[in-house]
Amino acid sequence: MPEVYDRILDVVAGNPGATVEEITDLAHDCGITDTGIPDLLTTAEGNDDLLEFDGRYWVMRTGKYRFHRYDHPET
């Protein structure tokens, strides 16, 4: 699970503000075939790796996802 978990965080980091459906589609495009993506998102949110608001997900700005500026129209 850790490999898929990290890959899902990478997908969300590259597509901030994505919905579960968008994340699932993007993950499948990246070759992630895990069907438990909603559960992974819930786990990541519980681990404070993701933030969910209004059905959209963002990676918390810690660790390797720490950016100077989050350049996204919905932030």
N, C-alpha and C. Protein backbone atom coordinates (compact mmCIF):
# COMPACT_ATOMS: atom_id res chain seq x y z
N MET A 1 0.80 -1.20 0.00
CA MET A 1 0.00 0.00 0.00
C MET A 1 0.84 1.27 0.00
N PRO A 2 1.98 1.33 0.67
CA PRO A 2 2.73 2.59 0.71
C PRO A 2 3.07 3.14 -0.68
N GLU A 3 3.40 2.26 -1.63
CA GLU A 3 3.74 2.74 -2.97
C GLU A 3 2.53 3.40 -3.62
N VAL A 4 1.37 2.76 -3.56
CA VAL A 4 0.15 3.33 -4.15
C VAL A 4 -0.24 4.60 -3.41
N TYR A 5 -0.10 4.58 -2.09
CA TYR A 5 -0.41 5.75 -1.27
C TYR A 5 0.40 6.96 -1.72
N ASP A 6 1.70 6.76 -1.87
CA ASP A 6 2.57 7.85 -2.32
C ASP A 6 2.23 8.31 -3.73
N ARG A 7 1.90 7.37 -4.58
CA ARG A 7 1.54 7.73 -5.97
C ARG A 7 0.24 8.53 -6.01
N ILE A 8 -0.71 8.20 -5.15
CA ILE A 8 -1.96 8.97 -5.08
C ILE A 8 -1.67 10.38 -4.59
N LEU A 9 -0.79 10.51 -3.60
CA LEU A 9 -0.41 11.85 -3.13
C LEU A 9 0.24 12.65 -4.26
N ASP A 10 1.06 11.99 -5.07
CA ASP A 10 1.67 12.66 -6.22
C ASP A 10 0.61 13.15 -7.21
N VAL A 11 -0.40 12.32 -7.45
CA VAL A 11 -1.49 12.71 -8.37
C VAL A 11 -2.22 13.93 -7.84
N VAL A 12 -2.54 13.92 -6.55
CA VAL A 12 -3.26 15.05 -5.96
C VAL A 12 -2.39 16.30 -5.94
N ALA A 13 -1.10 16.13 -5.65
CA ALA A 13 -0.18 17.27 -5.63
C ALA A 13 -0.09 17.92 -7.01
N GLY A 14 -0.15 17.12 -8.05
CA GLY A 14 -0.07 17.64 -9.41
C GLY A 14 -1.38 18.19 -9.92
N ASN A 15 -2.47 17.92 -9.20
CA ASN A 15 -3.81 18.34 -9.63
C ASN A 15 -4.60 18.85 -8.43
N PRO A 16 -4.13 19.92 -7.80
CA PRO A 16 -4.80 20.41 -6.60
C PRO A 16 -6.24 20.80 -6.87
N GLY A 17 -7.10 20.50 -5.92
CA GLY A 17 -8.51 20.84 -6.04
C GLY A 17 -9.30 19.82 -6.83
N ALA A 18 -8.73 18.63 -7.06
CA ALA A 18 -9.42 17.60 -7.83
C ALA A 18 -10.44 16.87 -6.96
N THR A 19 -11.50 16.39 -7.60
CA THR A 19 -12.52 15.59 -6.92
C THR A 19 -12.08 14.13 -6.91
N VAL A 20 -12.81 13.30 -6.17
CA VAL A 20 -12.49 11.87 -6.11
C VAL A 20 -12.55 11.26 -7.51
N GLU A 21 -13.56 11.63 -8.28
CA GLU A 21 -13.69 11.09 -9.63
C GLU A 21 -12.52 11.51 -10.52
N GLU A 22 -12.13 12.77 -10.41
CA GLU A 22 -10.99 13.26 -11.20
C GLU A 22 -9.70 12.56 -10.78
N ILE A 23 -9.51 12.40 -9.48
CA ILE A 23 -8.32 11.73 -8.97
C ILE A 23 -8.29 10.29 -9.45
N THR A 24 -9.43 9.62 -9.41
CA THR A 24 -9.51 8.23 -9.87
C THR A 24 -9.15 8.13 -11.34
N ASP A 25 -9.70 9.02 -12.17
CA ASP A 25 -9.38 9.01 -13.60
C ASP A 25 -7.90 9.30 -13.84
N LEU A 26 -7.37 10.30 -13.14
CA LEU A 26 -5.95 10.64 -13.30
C LEU A 26 -5.05 9.50 -12.83
N ALA A 27 -5.44 8.85 -11.75
CA ALA A 27 -4.66 7.72 -11.24
C ALA A 27 -4.64 6.58 -12.25
N HIS A 28 -5.79 6.30 -12.86
CA HIS A 28 -5.85 5.25 -13.87
C HIS A 28 -4.99 5.62 -15.08
N ASP A 29 -4.97 6.91 -15.44
CA ASP A 29 -4.12 7.37 -16.54
C ASP A 29 -2.64 7.18 -16.22
N CYS A 30 -2.31 7.21 -14.91
CA CYS A 30 -0.92 7.02 -14.48
C CYS A 30 -0.58 5.56 -14.21
N GLY A 31 -1.51 4.66 -14.52
CA GLY A 31 -1.26 3.24 -14.34
C GLY A 31 -1.57 2.70 -12.96
N ILE A 32 -2.26 3.47 -12.14
CA ILE A 32 -2.65 3.01 -10.81
C ILE A 32 -4.00 2.31 -10.96
N THR A 33 -4.01 1.01 -10.72
CA THR A 33 -5.23 0.23 -10.93
C THR A 33 -5.96 -0.07 -9.63
N ASP A 34 -5.47 0.43 -8.52
CA ASP A 34 -6.10 0.19 -7.22
C ASP A 34 -7.53 0.72 -7.24
N THR A 35 -8.48 -0.10 -6.80
CA THR A 35 -9.88 0.32 -6.78
C THR A 35 -10.27 0.96 -5.45
N GLY A 36 -9.36 0.97 -4.49
CA GLY A 36 -9.65 1.54 -3.18
C GLY A 36 -9.17 2.97 -3.03
N ILE A 37 -9.19 3.74 -4.11
CA ILE A 37 -8.68 5.12 -4.07
C ILE A 37 -9.46 5.98 -3.08
N PRO A 38 -10.80 5.91 -3.02
CA PRO A 38 -11.50 6.71 -2.00
C PRO A 38 -11.04 6.38 -0.58
N ASP A 39 -10.77 5.09 -0.31
CA ASP A 39 -10.27 4.71 1.01
C ASP A 39 -8.87 5.27 1.26
N LEU A 40 -8.02 5.26 0.22
CA LEU A 40 -6.69 5.84 0.35
C LEU A 40 -6.76 7.34 0.64
N LEU A 41 -7.69 8.02 -0.01
CA LEU A 41 -7.86 9.46 0.23
C LEU A 41 -8.30 9.71 1.66
N THR A 42 -9.21 8.88 2.16
CA THR A 42 -9.67 9.01 3.55
C THR A 42 -8.52 8.77 4.52
N THR A 43 -7.71 7.75 4.24
CA THR A 43 -6.55 7.46 5.08
C THR A 43 -5.56 8.62 5.05
N ALA A 44 -5.29 9.14 3.86
CA ALA A 44 -4.35 10.26 3.73
C ALA A 44 -4.86 11.50 4.45
N GLU A 45 -6.16 11.72 4.40
CA GLU A 45 -6.75 12.86 5.12
C GLU A 45 -6.59 12.67 6.62
N GLY A 46 -6.80 11.44 7.09
CA GLY A 46 -6.63 11.14 8.51
C GLY A 46 -5.18 11.26 8.97
N ASN A 47 -4.25 11.04 8.04
CA ASN A 47 -2.82 11.19 8.34
C ASN A 47 -2.33 12.62 8.18
N ASP A 48 -3.24 13.54 7.88
CA ASP A 48 -2.91 14.95 7.63
C ASP A 48 -1.99 15.14 6.43
N ASP A 49 -2.05 14.21 5.47
CA ASP A 49 -1.31 14.37 4.22
C ASP A 49 -2.16 15.09 3.18
N LEU A 50 -3.47 14.98 3.31
CA LEU A 50 -4.40 15.65 2.39
C LEU A 50 -5.38 16.50 3.16
N LEU A 51 -5.89 17.48 2.47
CA LEU A 51 -6.96 18.31 3.00
C LEU A 51 -8.13 18.18 2.05
N GLU A 52 -9.32 17.90 2.59
CA GLU A 52 -10.52 17.82 1.77
C GLU A 52 -11.44 18.95 2.16
N PHE A 53 -11.92 19.68 1.17
CA PHE A 53 -12.88 20.74 1.41
C PHE A 53 -13.84 20.78 0.24
N ASP A 54 -15.11 20.72 0.54
CA ASP A 54 -16.16 20.82 -0.47
C ASP A 54 -16.00 19.78 -1.58
N GLY A 55 -15.57 18.56 -1.19
CA GLY A 55 -15.43 17.48 -2.14
C GLY A 55 -14.18 17.54 -3.01
N ARG A 56 -13.26 18.43 -2.67
CA ARG A 56 -12.01 18.57 -3.44
C ARG A 56 -10.82 18.35 -2.51
N TYR A 57 -9.74 17.85 -3.08
CA TYR A 57 -8.57 17.46 -2.28
C TYR A 57 -7.33 18.26 -2.65
N TRP A 58 -6.55 18.56 -1.62
CA TRP A 58 -5.26 19.22 -1.77
C TRP A 58 -4.24 18.50 -0.90
N VAL A 59 -3.00 18.47 -1.34
CA VAL A 59 -1.91 17.91 -0.53
C VAL A 59 -1.46 18.99 0.43
N MET A 60 -1.25 18.57 1.68
CA MET A 60 -0.74 19.52 2.67
C MET A 60 0.68 19.91 2.26
N ARG A 61 1.08 21.14 2.49
CA ARG A 61 2.39 21.63 2.06
C ARG A 61 3.47 21.25 3.06
N THR A 62 3.74 19.98 3.13
CA THR A 62 4.81 19.48 4.00
C THR A 62 5.65 18.49 3.22
N GLY A 63 6.82 18.20 3.73
CA GLY A 63 7.68 17.20 3.10
C GLY A 63 8.04 17.55 1.68
N LYS A 64 7.97 16.57 0.80
CA LYS A 64 8.38 16.80 -0.58
C LYS A 64 7.38 17.63 -1.37
N TYR A 65 6.20 17.89 -0.82
CA TYR A 65 5.17 18.66 -1.51
C TYR A 65 5.18 20.13 -1.11
N ARG A 66 6.19 20.54 -0.43
CA ARG A 66 6.26 21.92 0.05
C ARG A 66 6.68 22.85 -1.10
N PHE A 67 5.80 23.77 -1.45
CA PHE A 67 6.04 24.70 -2.55
C PHE A 67 6.08 26.13 -2.02
N HIS A 68 6.73 27.00 -2.77
CA HIS A 68 6.72 28.41 -2.41
C HIS A 68 5.34 29.00 -2.63
N ARG A 69 4.69 28.56 -3.70
CA ARG A 69 3.40 29.12 -4.06
C ARG A 69 2.56 28.01 -4.70
N TYR A 70 1.32 27.92 -4.31
CA TYR A 70 0.41 26.96 -4.89
C TYR A 70 -0.34 27.68 -6.01
N ASP A 71 0.08 27.49 -7.23
CA ASP A 71 -0.49 28.21 -8.36
C ASP A 71 -1.68 27.44 -8.92
N HIS A 72 -2.84 27.69 -8.35
CA HIS A 72 -4.05 27.01 -8.81
C HIS A 72 -5.21 27.98 -8.65
N PRO A 73 -6.09 28.06 -9.64
CA PRO A 73 -7.16 29.05 -9.59
C PRO A 73 -8.14 28.88 -8.43
N GLU A 74 -8.21 27.70 -7.82
CA GLU A 74 -9.16 27.50 -6.73
C GLU A 74 -8.55 27.64 -5.35
N THR A 75 -7.29 28.07 -5.27
CA THR A 75 -6.67 28.24 -3.96
C THR A 75 -6.62 29.69 -3.59
